[in-house]
Amino acid sequence: MRTTVTLDRDVEQVLRETAARTHRPFKKVLNDTLRIGIEHSTGAGPTEPFVLKARPMGLRAGYDPAGFNPLADDLEAEAFLESTRNLMERIR
């Protein structure tokens, strides 16, 4: 699409310097800069879906990983009780 835009002199200068430094056409630099500015101001980024890569946990079938936290809590409680018993026996 063709349109006429009036750029401020400082903006044009930065765009032309960027085009010369990166060896890209002025039009490409202008469009890329506008895209970045629009994405930044709207909070819209690239619309690529987030992909989670699954990895094997090495668990045997039938084990529920969600049940490990209560198990760890029980083991910790047992270890605390055992250390408390040992401490109480030393005090007596």
PDB file of N, CA and C in Angstrom:
ATOM      1  N   MET A   1       0.844  -1.171   0.000  1.00  0.00           N
ATOM      2  CA  MET A   1       0.000   0.000   0.000  1.00  0.00           C
ATOM      3  C   MET A   1       0.889   1.234   0.000  1.00  0.00           C
ATOM      4  N   ARG A   2       0.499   2.192  -0.758  1.00  0.00           N
ATOM      5  CA  ARG A   2       1.233   3.449  -0.831  1.00  0.00           C
ATOM      6  C   ARG A   2       0.504   4.499  -0.048  1.00  0.00           C
ATOM      7  N   THR A   3       1.284   5.268   0.711  1.00  0.00           N
ATOM      8  CA  THR A   3       0.700   6.387   1.448  1.00  0.00           C
ATOM      9  C   THR A   3       1.780   7.444   1.624  1.00  0.00           C
ATOM     10  N   THR A   4       1.354   8.652   1.893  1.00  0.00           N
ATOM     11  CA  THR A   4       2.300   9.739   2.122  1.00  0.00           C
ATOM     12  C   THR A   4       2.359  10.031   3.602  1.00  0.00           C
ATOM     13  N   VAL A   5       3.568  10.069   4.130  1.00  0.00           N
ATOM     14  CA  VAL A   5       3.776  10.341   5.544  1.00  0.00           C
ATOM     15  C   VAL A   5       4.812  11.450   5.652  1.00  0.00           C
ATOM     16  N   THR A   6       4.561  12.391   6.532  1.00  0.00           N
ATOM     17  CA  THR A   6       5.536  13.440   6.787  1.00  0.00           C
ATOM     18  C   THR A   6       6.302  13.081   8.043  1.00  0.00           C
ATOM     19  N   LEU A   7       7.604  12.870   7.877  1.00  0.00           N
ATOM     20  CA  LEU A   7       8.461  12.499   8.999  1.00  0.00           C
ATOM     21  C   LEU A   7       9.174  13.733   9.531  1.00  0.00           C
ATOM     22  N   ASP A   8       9.371  13.777  10.825  1.00  0.00           N
ATOM     23  CA  ASP A   8      10.211  14.822  11.397  1.00  0.00           C
ATOM     24  C   ASP A   8      11.633  14.599  10.905  1.00  0.00           C
ATOM     25  N   ARG A   9      12.399  15.670  10.830  1.00  0.00           N
ATOM     26  CA  ARG A   9      13.762  15.570  10.284  1.00  0.00           C
ATOM     27  C   ARG A   9      14.642  14.619  11.095  1.00  0.00           C
ATOM     28  N   ASP A  10      14.507  14.674  12.417  1.00  0.00           N
ATOM     29  CA  ASP A  10      15.356  13.801  13.239  1.00  0.00           C
ATOM     30  C   ASP A  10      14.999  12.333  13.049  1.00  0.00           C
ATOM     31  N   VAL A  11      13.696  12.047  12.858  1.00  0.00           N
ATOM     32  CA  VAL A  11      13.260  10.663  12.635  1.00  0.00           C
ATOM     33  C   VAL A  11      13.772  10.168  11.290  1.00  0.00           C
ATOM     34  N   GLU A  12      13.641  11.011  10.270  1.00  0.00           N
ATOM     35  CA  GLU A  12      14.145  10.625   8.947  1.00  0.00           C
ATOM     36  C   GLU A  12      15.655  10.368   8.993  1.00  0.00           C
ATOM     37  N   GLN A  13      16.378  11.207   9.701  1.00  0.00           N
ATOM     38  CA  GLN A  13      17.821  11.059   9.783  1.00  0.00           C
ATOM     39  C   GLN A  13      18.207   9.735  10.445  1.00  0.00           C
ATOM     40  N   VAL A  14      17.530   9.399  11.536  1.00  0.00           N
ATOM     41  CA  VAL A  14      17.822   8.138  12.225  1.00  0.00           C
ATOM     42  C   VAL A  14      17.503   6.953  11.320  1.00  0.00           C
ATOM     43  N   LEU A  15      16.370   7.018  10.611  1.00  0.00           N
ATOM     44  CA  LEU A  15      15.994   5.927   9.710  1.00  0.00           C
ATOM     45  C   LEU A  15      16.997   5.776   8.570  1.00  0.00           C
ATOM     46  N   ARG A  16      17.428   6.887   7.988  1.00  0.00           N
ATOM     47  CA  ARG A  16      18.391   6.828   6.878  1.00  0.00           C
ATOM     48  C   ARG A  16      19.754   6.309   7.368  1.00  0.00           C
ATOM     49  N   GLU A  17      20.170   6.756   8.557  1.00  0.00           N
ATOM     50  CA  GLU A  17      21.439   6.263   9.104  1.00  0.00           C
ATOM     51  C   GLU A  17      21.372   4.758   9.374  1.00  0.00           C
ATOM     52  N   THR A  18      20.229   4.310   9.901  1.00  0.00           N
ATOM     53  CA  THR A  18      20.045   2.885  10.167  1.00  0.00           C
ATOM     54  C   THR A  18      20.059   2.093   8.867  1.00  0.00           C
ATOM     55  N   ALA A  19      19.399   2.626   7.843  1.00  0.00           N
ATOM     56  CA  ALA A  19      19.375   1.948   6.543  1.00  0.00           C
ATOM     57  C   ALA A  19      20.783   1.839   5.961  1.00  0.00           C
ATOM     58  N   ALA A  20      21.552   2.899   6.079  1.00  0.00           N
ATOM     59  CA  ALA A  20      22.916   2.880   5.542  1.00  0.00           C
ATOM     60  C   ALA A  20      23.808   1.932   6.345  1.00  0.00           C
ATOM     61  N   ARG A  21      23.674   1.963   7.675  1.00  0.00           N
ATOM     62  CA  ARG A  21      24.517   1.134   8.540  1.00  0.00           C
ATOM     63  C   ARG A  21      24.219  -0.351   8.367  1.00  0.00           C
ATOM     64  N   THR A  22      22.931  -0.684   8.173  1.00  0.00           N
ATOM     65  CA  THR A  22      22.537  -2.089   8.076  1.00  0.00           C
ATOM     66  C   THR A  22      22.428  -2.592   6.635  1.00  0.00           C
ATOM     67  N   HIS A  23      22.673  -1.680   5.675  1.00  0.00           N
ATOM     68  CA  HIS A  23      22.600  -2.026   4.250  1.00  0.00           C
ATOM     69  C   HIS A  23      21.232  -2.592   3.878  1.00  0.00           C
ATOM     70  N   ARG A  24      20.195  -1.971   4.418  1.00  0.00           N
ATOM     71  CA  ARG A  24      18.820  -2.352   4.083  1.00  0.00           C
ATOM     72  C   ARG A  24      18.123  -1.154   3.462  1.00  0.00           C
ATOM     73  N   PRO A  25      17.100  -1.396   2.651  1.00  0.00           N
ATOM     74  CA  PRO A  25      16.359  -0.281   2.051  1.00  0.00           C
ATOM     75  C   PRO A  25      15.642   0.557   3.118  1.00  0.00           C
ATOM     76  N   PHE A  26      15.509   1.845   2.831  1.00  0.00           N
ATOM     77  CA  PHE A  26      14.833   2.767   3.743  1.00  0.00           C
ATOM     78  C   PHE A  26      13.419   2.260   4.064  1.00  0.00           C
ATOM     79  N   LYS A  27      12.707   1.794   3.054  1.00  0.00           N
ATOM     80  CA  LYS A  27      11.335   1.302   3.233  1.00  0.00           C
ATOM     81  C   LYS A  27      11.291   0.147   4.228  1.00  0.00           C
ATOM     82  N   LYS A  28      12.243  -0.771   4.130  1.00  0.00           N
ATOM     83  CA  LYS A  28      12.294  -1.927   5.041  1.00  0.00           C
ATOM     84  C   LYS A  28      12.575  -1.464   6.473  1.00  0.00           C
ATOM     85  N   VAL A  29      13.526  -0.544   6.633  1.00  0.00           N
ATOM     86  CA  VAL A  29      13.851  -0.024   7.965  1.00  0.00           C
ATOM     87  C   VAL A  29      12.642   0.679   8.563  1.00  0.00           C
ATOM     88  N   LEU A  30      11.952   1.483   7.765  1.00  0.00           N
ATOM     89  CA  LEU A  30      10.769   2.203   8.240  1.00  0.00           C
ATOM     90  C   LEU A  30       9.677   1.228   8.677  1.00  0.00           C
ATOM     91  N   ASN A  31       9.375   0.223   7.842  1.00  0.00           N
ATOM     92  CA  ASN A  31       8.323  -0.743   8.185  1.00  0.00           C
ATOM     93  C   ASN A  31       8.687  -1.564   9.426  1.00  0.00           C
ATOM     94  N   ASP A  32       9.935  -2.015   9.507  1.00  0.00           N
ATOM     95  CA  ASP A  32      10.358  -2.794  10.679  1.00  0.00           C
ATOM     96  C   ASP A  32      10.275  -1.961  11.954  1.00  0.00           C
ATOM     97  N   THR A  33      10.695  -0.701  11.860  1.00  0.00           N
ATOM     98  CA  THR A  33      10.648   0.189  13.025  1.00  0.00           C
ATOM     99  C   THR A  33       9.203   0.441  13.455  1.00  0.00           C
ATOM    100  N   LEU A  34       8.324   0.643  12.499  1.00  0.00           N
ATOM    101  CA  LEU A  34       6.904   0.835  12.828  1.00  0.00           C
ATOM    102  C   LEU A  34       6.304  -0.412  13.473  1.00  0.00           C
ATOM    103  N   ARG A  35       6.645  -1.584  12.942  1.00  0.00           N
ATOM    104  CA  ARG A  35       6.135  -2.833  13.532  1.00  0.00           C
ATOM    105  C   ARG A  35       6.577  -2.982  14.988  1.00  0.00           C
ATOM    106  N   ILE A  36       7.855  -2.724  15.237  1.00  0.00           N
ATOM    107  CA  ILE A  36       8.368  -2.833  16.605  1.00  0.00           C
ATOM    108  C   ILE A  36       7.656  -1.845  17.516  1.00  0.00           C
ATOM    109  N   GLY A  37       7.473  -0.618  17.046  1.00  0.00           N
ATOM    110  CA  GLY A  37       6.786   0.396  17.848  1.00  0.00           C
ATOM    111  C   GLY A  37       5.340   0.035  18.128  1.00  0.00           C
ATOM    112  N   ILE A  38       4.657  -0.502  17.136  1.00  0.00           N
ATOM    113  CA  ILE A  38       3.250  -0.899  17.315  1.00  0.00           C
ATOM    114  C   ILE A  38       3.153  -2.057  18.296  1.00  0.00           C
ATOM    115  N   GLU A  39       4.013  -3.056  18.143  1.00  0.00           N
ATOM    116  CA  GLU A  39       3.991  -4.196  19.066  1.00  0.00           C
ATOM    117  C   GLU A  39       4.279  -3.746  20.490  1.00  0.00           C
ATOM    118  N   HIS A  40       5.212  -2.821  20.641  1.00  0.00           N
ATOM    119  CA  HIS A  40       5.585  -2.336  21.978  1.00  0.00           C
ATOM    120  C   HIS A  40       4.442  -1.530  22.600  1.00  0.00           C
ATOM    121  N   SER A  41       3.804  -0.672  21.805  1.00  0.00           N
ATOM    122  CA  SER A  41       2.765   0.198  22.372  1.00  0.00           C
ATOM    123  C   SER A  41       1.462  -0.544  22.657  1.00  0.00           C
ATOM    124  N   THR A  42       1.179  -1.588  21.903  1.00  0.00           N
ATOM    125  CA  THR A  42      -0.071  -2.328  22.120  1.00  0.00           C
ATOM    126  C   THR A  42       0.135  -3.535  23.012  1.00  0.00           C
ATOM    127  N   GLY A  43       1.372  -3.879  23.263  1.00  0.00           N
ATOM    128  CA  GLY A  43       1.656  -5.065  24.062  1.00  0.00           C
ATOM    129  C   GLY A  43       1.494  -6.343  23.266  1.00  0.00           C
ATOM    130  N   ALA A  44       1.179  -6.189  21.990  1.00  0.00           N
ATOM    131  CA  ALA A  44       0.999  -7.367  21.138  1.00  0.00           C
ATOM    132  C   ALA A  44       2.344  -7.768  20.568  1.00  0.00           C
ATOM    133  N   GLY A  45       2.697  -8.990  20.800  1.00  0.00           N
ATOM    134  CA  GLY A  45       3.946  -9.499  20.255  1.00  0.00           C
ATOM    135  C   GLY A  45       3.659 -10.483  19.156  1.00  0.00           C
ATOM    136  N   PRO A  46       4.646 -11.170  18.733  1.00  0.00           N
ATOM    137  CA  PRO A  46       4.414 -12.206  17.729  1.00  0.00           C
ATOM    138  C   PRO A  46       3.412 -13.236  18.251  1.00  0.00           C
ATOM    139  N   THR A  47       2.588 -13.714  17.377  1.00  0.00           N
ATOM    140  CA  THR A  47       1.510 -14.613  17.791  1.00  0.00           C
ATOM    141  C   THR A  47       1.889 -16.078  17.623  1.00  0.00           C
ATOM    142  N   GLU A  48       3.145 -16.393  17.876  1.00  0.00           N
ATOM    143  CA  GLU A  48       3.559 -17.792  17.808  1.00  0.00           C
ATOM    144  C   GLU A  48       3.082 -18.505  19.066  1.00  0.00           C
ATOM    145  N   PRO A  49       2.488 -19.676  18.921  1.00  0.00           N
ATOM    146  CA  PRO A  49       1.996 -20.384  20.104  1.00  0.00           C
ATOM    147  C   PRO A  49       3.140 -20.870  20.984  1.00  0.00           C
ATOM    148  N   PHE A  50       2.900 -20.890  22.271  1.00  0.00           N
ATOM    149  CA  PHE A  50       3.876 -21.409  23.216  1.00  0.00           C
ATOM    150  C   PHE A  50       3.824 -22.926  23.164  1.00  0.00           C
ATOM    151  N   VAL A  51       4.971 -23.544  23.001  1.00  0.00           N
ATOM    152  CA  VAL A  51       5.033 -25.004  22.915  1.00  0.00           C
ATOM    153  C   VAL A  51       5.869 -25.516  24.079  1.00  0.00           C
ATOM    154  N   LEU A  52       5.281 -26.404  24.851  1.00  0.00           N
ATOM    155  CA  LEU A  52       5.976 -27.028  25.967  1.00  0.00           C
ATOM    156  C   LEU A  52       6.488 -28.381  25.509  1.00  0.00           C
ATOM    157  N   LYS A  53       7.792 -28.564  25.625  1.00  0.00           N
ATOM    158  CA  LYS A  53       8.375 -29.830  25.205  1.00  0.00           C
ATOM    159  C   LYS A  53       8.364 -30.794  26.385  1.00  0.00           C
ATOM    160  N   ALA A  54       7.651 -31.885  26.229  1.00  0.00           N
ATOM    161  CA  ALA A  54       7.554 -32.885  27.288  1.00  0.00           C
ATOM    162  C   ALA A  54       8.808 -33.737  27.314  1.00  0.00           C
ATOM    163  N   ARG A  55       9.212 -34.100  28.516  1.00  0.00           N
ATOM    164  CA  ARG A  55      10.359 -34.982  28.686  1.00  0.00           C
ATOM    165  C   ARG A  55       9.956 -36.119  29.609  1.00  0.00           C
ATOM    166  N   PRO A  56      10.468 -37.298  29.373  1.00  0.00           N
ATOM    167  CA  PRO A  56      10.113 -38.411  30.259  1.00  0.00           C
ATOM    168  C   PRO A  56      10.697 -38.192  31.644  1.00  0.00           C
ATOM    169  N   MET A  57       9.906 -38.538  32.679  1.00  0.00           N
ATOM    170  CA  MET A  57      10.346 -38.364  34.057  1.00  0.00           C
ATOM    171  C   MET A  57      10.977 -39.625  34.611  1.00  0.00           C
ATOM    172  N   GLY A  58      10.924 -40.691  33.867  1.00  0.00           N
ATOM    173  CA  GLY A  58      11.527 -41.926  34.317  1.00  0.00           C
ATOM    174  C   GLY A  58      10.698 -42.635  35.381  1.00  0.00           C
ATOM    175  N   LEU A  59       9.408 -42.344  35.434  1.00  0.00           N
ATOM    176  CA  LEU A  59       8.524 -42.980  36.420  1.00  0.00           C
ATOM    177  C   LEU A  59       7.900 -44.235  35.833  1.00  0.00           C
ATOM    178  N   ARG A  60       7.687 -45.178  36.695  1.00  0.00           N
ATOM    179  CA  ARG A  60       6.986 -46.378  36.252  1.00  0.00           C
ATOM    180  C   ARG A  60       5.491 -46.092  36.160  1.00  0.00           C
ATOM    181  N   ALA A  61       4.823 -46.828  35.331  1.00  0.00           N
ATOM    182  CA  ALA A  61       3.382 -46.666  35.168  1.00  0.00           C
ATOM    183  C   ALA A  61       2.682 -46.859  36.506  1.00  0.00           C
ATOM    184  N   GLY A  62       1.687 -46.033  36.769  1.00  0.00           N
ATOM    185  CA  GLY A  62       0.915 -46.157  37.999  1.00  0.00           C
ATOM    186  C   GLY A  62       1.348 -45.186  39.088  1.00  0.00           C
ATOM    187  N   TYR A  63       2.494 -44.526  38.920  1.00  0.00           N
ATOM    188  CA  TYR A  63       2.947 -43.533  39.902  1.00  0.00           C
ATOM    189  C   TYR A  63       2.399 -42.163  39.518  1.00  0.00           C
ATOM    190  N   ASP A  64       1.816 -41.492  40.491  1.00  0.00           N
ATOM    191  CA  ASP A  64       1.271 -40.156  40.268  1.00  0.00           C
ATOM    192  C   ASP A  64       2.241 -39.129  40.836  1.00  0.00           C
ATOM    193  N   PRO A  65       2.881 -38.313  39.973  1.00  0.00           N
ATOM    194  CA  PRO A  65       3.846 -37.345  40.475  1.00  0.00           C
ATOM    195  C   PRO A  65       3.216 -36.329  41.428  1.00  0.00           C
ATOM    196  N   ALA A  66       1.919 -36.099  41.314  1.00  0.00           N
ATOM    197  CA  ALA A  66       1.251 -35.154  42.211  1.00  0.00           C
ATOM    198  C   ALA A  66       1.204 -35.702  43.636  1.00  0.00           C
ATOM    199  N   GLY A  67       1.344 -36.998  43.797  1.00  0.00           N
ATOM    200  CA  GLY A  67       1.306 -37.593  45.126  1.00  0.00           C
ATOM    201  C   GLY A  67       2.653 -37.565  45.836  1.00  0.00           C
ATOM    202  N   PHE A  68       3.689 -37.084  45.157  1.00  0.00           N
ATOM    203  CA  PHE A  68       5.013 -37.059  45.768  1.00  0.00           C
ATOM    204  C   PHE A  68       5.127 -36.004  46.867  1.00  0.00           C
ATOM    205  N   ASN A  69       4.458 -34.877  46.739  1.00  0.00           N
ATOM    206  CA  ASN A  69       4.551 -33.837  47.779  1.00  0.00           C
ATOM    207  C   ASN A  69       4.008 -34.318  49.119  1.00  0.00           C
ATOM    208  N   PRO A  70       2.812 -34.910  49.168  1.00  0.00           N
ATOM    209  CA  PRO A  70       2.354 -35.429  50.461  1.00  0.00           C
ATOM    210  C   PRO A  70       3.286 -36.502  51.017  1.00  0.00           C
ATOM    211  N   LEU A  71       3.844 -37.328  50.149  1.00  0.00           N
ATOM    212  CA  LEU A  71       4.782 -38.352  50.594  1.00  0.00           C
ATOM    213  C   LEU A  71       6.020 -37.697  51.211  1.00  0.00           C
ATOM    214  N   ALA A  72       6.551 -36.674  50.545  1.00  0.00           N
ATOM    215  CA  ALA A  72       7.717 -35.962  51.070  1.00  0.00           C
ATOM    216  C   ALA A  72       7.381 -35.310  52.411  1.00  0.00           C
ATOM    217  N   ASP A  73       6.173 -34.741  52.537  1.00  0.00           N
ATOM    218  CA  ASP A  73       5.753 -34.143  53.805  1.00  0.00           C
ATOM    219  C   ASP A  73       5.716 -35.183  54.918  1.00  0.00           C
ATOM    220  N   ASP A  74       5.162 -36.348  54.613  1.00  0.00           N
ATOM    221  CA  ASP A  74       5.090 -37.416  55.620  1.00  0.00           C
ATOM    222  C   ASP A  74       6.482 -37.864  56.053  1.00  0.00           C
ATOM    223  N   LEU A  75       7.382 -38.033  55.087  1.00  0.00           N
ATOM    224  CA  LEU A  75       8.744 -38.443  55.420  1.00  0.00           C
ATOM    225  C   LEU A  75       9.462 -37.382  56.252  1.00  0.00           C
ATOM    226  N   GLU A  76       9.228 -36.129  55.934  1.00  0.00           N
ATOM    227  CA  GLU A  76       9.840 -35.045  56.698  1.00  0.00           C
ATOM    228  C   GLU A  76       9.295 -35.012  58.125  1.00  0.00           C
ATOM    229  N   ALA A  77       7.993 -35.215  58.254  1.00  0.00           N
ATOM    230  CA  ALA A  77       7.380 -35.229  59.587  1.00  0.00           C
ATOM    231  C   ALA A  77       7.927 -36.394  60.411  1.00  0.00           C
ATOM    232  N   GLU A  78       8.068 -37.552  59.791  1.00  0.00           N
ATOM    233  CA  GLU A  78       8.619 -38.709  60.498  1.00  0.00           C
ATOM    234  C   GLU A  78      10.062 -38.454  60.943  1.00  0.00           C
ATOM    235  N   ALA A  79      10.856 -37.825  60.069  1.00  0.00           N
ATOM    236  CA  ALA A  79      12.243 -37.526  60.418  1.00  0.00           C
ATOM    237  C   ALA A  79      12.300 -36.530  61.571  1.00  0.00           C
ATOM    238  N   PHE A  80      11.404 -35.556  61.578  1.00  0.00           N
ATOM    239  CA  PHE A  80      11.362 -34.581  62.670  1.00  0.00           C
ATOM    240  C   PHE A  80      10.987 -35.263  63.983  1.00  0.00           C
ATOM    241  N   LEU A  81       9.977 -36.115  63.937  1.00  0.00           N
ATOM    242  CA  LEU A  81       9.565 -36.814  65.155  1.00  0.00           C
ATOM    243  C   LEU A  81      10.689 -37.701  65.684  1.00  0.00           C
ATOM    244  N   GLU A  82      11.386 -38.370  64.790  1.00  0.00           N
ATOM    245  CA  GLU A  82      12.491 -39.230  65.211  1.00  0.00           C
ATOM    246  C   GLU A  82      13.608 -38.406  65.856  1.00  0.00           C
ATOM    247  N   SER A  83      13.948 -37.275  65.249  1.00  0.00           N
ATOM    248  CA  SER A  83      15.005 -36.441  65.836  1.00  0.00           C
ATOM    249  C   SER A  83      14.560 -35.844  67.165  1.00  0.00           C
ATOM    250  N   THR A  84      13.278 -35.532  67.294  1.00  0.00           N
ATOM    251  CA  THR A  84      12.758 -35.006  68.558  1.00  0.00           C
ATOM    252  C   THR A  84      12.815 -36.091  69.634  1.00  0.00           C
ATOM    253  N   ARG A  85      12.456 -37.331  69.276  1.00  0.00           N
ATOM    254  CA  ARG A  85      12.532 -38.445  70.228  1.00  0.00           C
ATOM    255  C   ARG A  85      13.967 -38.639  70.712  1.00  0.00           C
ATOM    256  N   ASN A  86      14.910 -38.619  69.784  1.00  0.00           N
ATOM    257  CA  ASN A  86      16.327 -38.789  70.136  1.00  0.00           C
ATOM    258  C   ASN A  86      16.799 -37.661  71.061  1.00  0.00           C
ATOM    259  N   LEU A  87      16.372 -36.465  70.797  1.00  0.00           N
ATOM    260  CA  LEU A  87      16.752 -35.330  71.636  1.00  0.00           C
ATOM    261  C   LEU A  87      16.168 -35.468  73.040  1.00  0.00           C
ATOM    262  N   MET A  88      14.921 -35.888  73.110  1.00  0.00           N
ATOM    263  CA  MET A  88      14.256 -36.054  74.413  1.00  0.00           C
ATOM    264  C   MET A  88      14.939 -37.164  75.214  1.00  0.00           C
ATOM    265  N   GLU A  89      15.385 -38.220  74.564  1.00  0.00           N
ATOM    266  CA  GLU A  89      16.067 -39.303  75.264  1.00  0.00           C
ATOM    267  C   GLU A  89      17.423 -38.838  75.807  1.00  0.00           C
ATOM    268  N   ARG A  90      18.095 -37.986  75.082  1.00  0.00           N
ATOM    269  CA  ARG A  90      19.376 -37.470  75.559  1.00  0.00           C
ATOM    270  C   ARG A  90      19.205 -36.553  76.773  1.00  0.00           C
ATOM    271  N   ILE A  91      18.105 -35.812  76.794  1.00  0.00           N
ATOM    272  CA  ILE A  91      17.849 -34.892  77.908  1.00  0.00           C
ATOM    273  C   ILE A  91      17.546 -35.671  79.184  1.00  0.00           C
ATOM    274  N   ARG A  92      16.886 -36.777  79.088  1.00  0.00           N
ATOM    275  CA  ARG A  92      16.490 -37.557  80.272  1.00  0.00           C
ATOM    276  C   ARG A  92      17.619 -38.241  80.904  1.00  0.00           C
TER     277      ARG A  92
END
